[in-house]
Amino acid sequence: MSQAHRDILSQAEYYSQHSGDQLALRFFDAAEAAYRFLLRHPSIGKPCRIRRHREQGVREFGITGFPRHLVFYRAIPEGIEIIRVVHASRDLETLLEESL
């Protein structure tokens, strides 16, 4: 299981416990919609704010309805590689270091 998949499950579990299953399901749906959109438009995300990762082609994109949740990804020949899905208030540099 990828780290990004674990990120999604962890956030959905948090929403389920603190705000109910409906919000957790809405988060899943919004993340899936973001992935589909990024597959069609891989260059739409802004370059990663962390310089070293920006140089590696990593981009970031907010999830509609959950704008503080960021999808970190990069375009690859087969489509996109989702690296992490994290809340913007977290230590993004450390999280990305662990994933790349």
Protein backbone atom coordinates (compact mmCIF):
# COMPACT_ATOMS: atom_id res chain seq x y z
CA MET A 1 0.00 0.00 0.00
CA SER A 2 1.41 3.40 -0.94
CA GLN A 3 1.97 6.16 1.58
CA ALA A 4 -0.58 8.32 -0.25
CA HIS A 5 -3.18 5.57 0.16
CA ARG A 6 -2.38 5.37 3.87
CA ASP A 7 -2.72 9.17 4.07
CA ILE A 8 -6.22 9.00 2.58
CA LEU A 9 -7.31 6.18 4.89
CA SER A 10 -5.92 7.96 7.95
CA GLN A 11 -7.69 11.22 7.13
CA ALA A 12 -10.95 9.46 6.34
CA GLU A 13 -10.75 7.60 9.65
CA TYR A 14 -10.21 10.89 11.46
CA TYR A 15 -13.23 12.43 9.74
CA SER A 16 -15.32 9.36 10.47
CA GLN A 17 -14.48 9.45 14.19
CA HIS A 18 -14.77 13.21 14.66
CA SER A 19 -17.37 14.34 12.14
CA GLY A 20 -19.16 11.23 10.89
CA ASP A 21 -19.09 8.79 8.04
CA GLN A 22 -20.68 11.21 5.57
CA LEU A 23 -17.70 13.56 5.75
CA ALA A 24 -15.29 10.64 5.44
CA LEU A 25 -17.07 9.44 2.30
CA ARG A 26 -17.15 12.94 0.88
CA PHE A 27 -13.38 13.17 1.45
CA PHE A 28 -12.82 9.86 -0.40
CA ASP A 29 -14.94 11.06 -3.31
CA ALA A 30 -13.18 14.44 -3.46
CA ALA A 31 -9.73 12.81 -3.42
CA GLU A 32 -10.75 10.43 -6.20
CA ALA A 33 -12.09 13.33 -8.26
CA ALA A 34 -8.80 15.20 -7.75
CA TYR A 35 -6.85 12.16 -8.97
CA ARG A 36 -9.01 11.84 -12.09
CA PHE A 37 -8.62 15.56 -12.81
CA LEU A 38 -4.84 15.40 -12.37
CA LEU A 39 -4.64 12.44 -14.74
CA ARG A 40 -6.27 14.58 -17.44
CA HIS A 41 -4.31 17.75 -16.54
CA PRO A 42 -1.01 16.71 -14.92
CA SER A 43 0.63 20.12 -15.28
CA ILE A 44 -2.18 22.02 -13.54
CA GLY A 45 -0.78 21.76 -10.01
CA LYS A 46 1.66 24.37 -8.88
CA PRO A 47 5.30 23.39 -8.49
CA CYS A 48 6.07 22.13 -4.99
CA ARG A 49 6.92 24.94 -2.58
CA ILE A 50 9.91 22.96 -1.30
CA ARG A 51 12.72 23.70 -3.73
CA ARG A 52 14.41 20.30 -3.72
CA HIS A 53 11.15 18.54 -4.54
CA ARG A 54 10.18 21.15 -7.11
CA GLU A 55 13.41 20.27 -8.92
CA GLN A 56 12.28 16.61 -8.93
CA GLY A 57 9.08 17.58 -10.75
CA VAL A 58 6.80 17.32 -7.70
CA ARG A 59 3.65 19.44 -7.90
CA GLU A 60 0.87 20.18 -5.42
CA PHE A 61 -2.87 20.46 -5.86
CA GLY A 62 -5.67 21.20 -3.37
CA ILE A 63 -8.63 18.85 -3.05
CA THR A 64 -11.92 20.55 -3.92
CA GLY A 65 -14.01 20.96 -0.78
CA PHE A 66 -10.92 20.23 1.34
CA PRO A 67 -8.55 23.00 0.16
CA ARG A 68 -6.09 22.58 3.03
CA HIS A 69 -5.49 18.97 1.94
CA LEU A 70 -2.78 18.84 -0.68
CA VAL A 71 -2.03 16.13 -3.20
CA PHE A 72 1.70 15.94 -3.92
CA TYR A 73 2.33 14.20 -7.22
CA ARG A 74 4.48 14.13 -10.31
CA ALA A 75 3.79 13.36 -13.94
CA ILE A 76 5.24 10.07 -15.17
CA PRO A 77 4.99 8.44 -18.62
CA GLU A 78 2.11 6.21 -17.44
CA GLY A 79 0.11 9.12 -15.96
CA ILE A 80 0.79 10.51 -12.49
CA GLU A 81 2.46 9.25 -9.33
CA ILE A 82 0.66 10.33 -6.16
CA ILE A 83 3.33 10.78 -3.49
CA ARG A 84 1.42 12.08 -0.45
CA VAL A 85 -1.97 13.53 0.48
CA VAL A 86 -1.52 15.70 3.57
CA HIS A 87 -2.97 18.65 5.41
CA ALA A 88 -1.11 21.89 4.66
CA SER A 89 -0.49 22.56 8.36
CA ARG A 90 1.79 19.51 8.67
CA ASP A 91 5.58 19.54 8.31
CA LEU A 92 5.51 19.09 4.55
CA GLU A 93 9.25 19.01 4.04
CA THR A 94 9.74 16.15 6.51
CA LEU A 95 6.75 14.20 5.16
CA LEU A 96 7.99 14.50 1.60
CA GLU A 97 11.54 13.57 2.59
CA GLU A 98 10.21 10.30 3.99
CA SER A 99 8.34 9.59 0.75
CA LEU A 100 10.89 10.39 -1.94
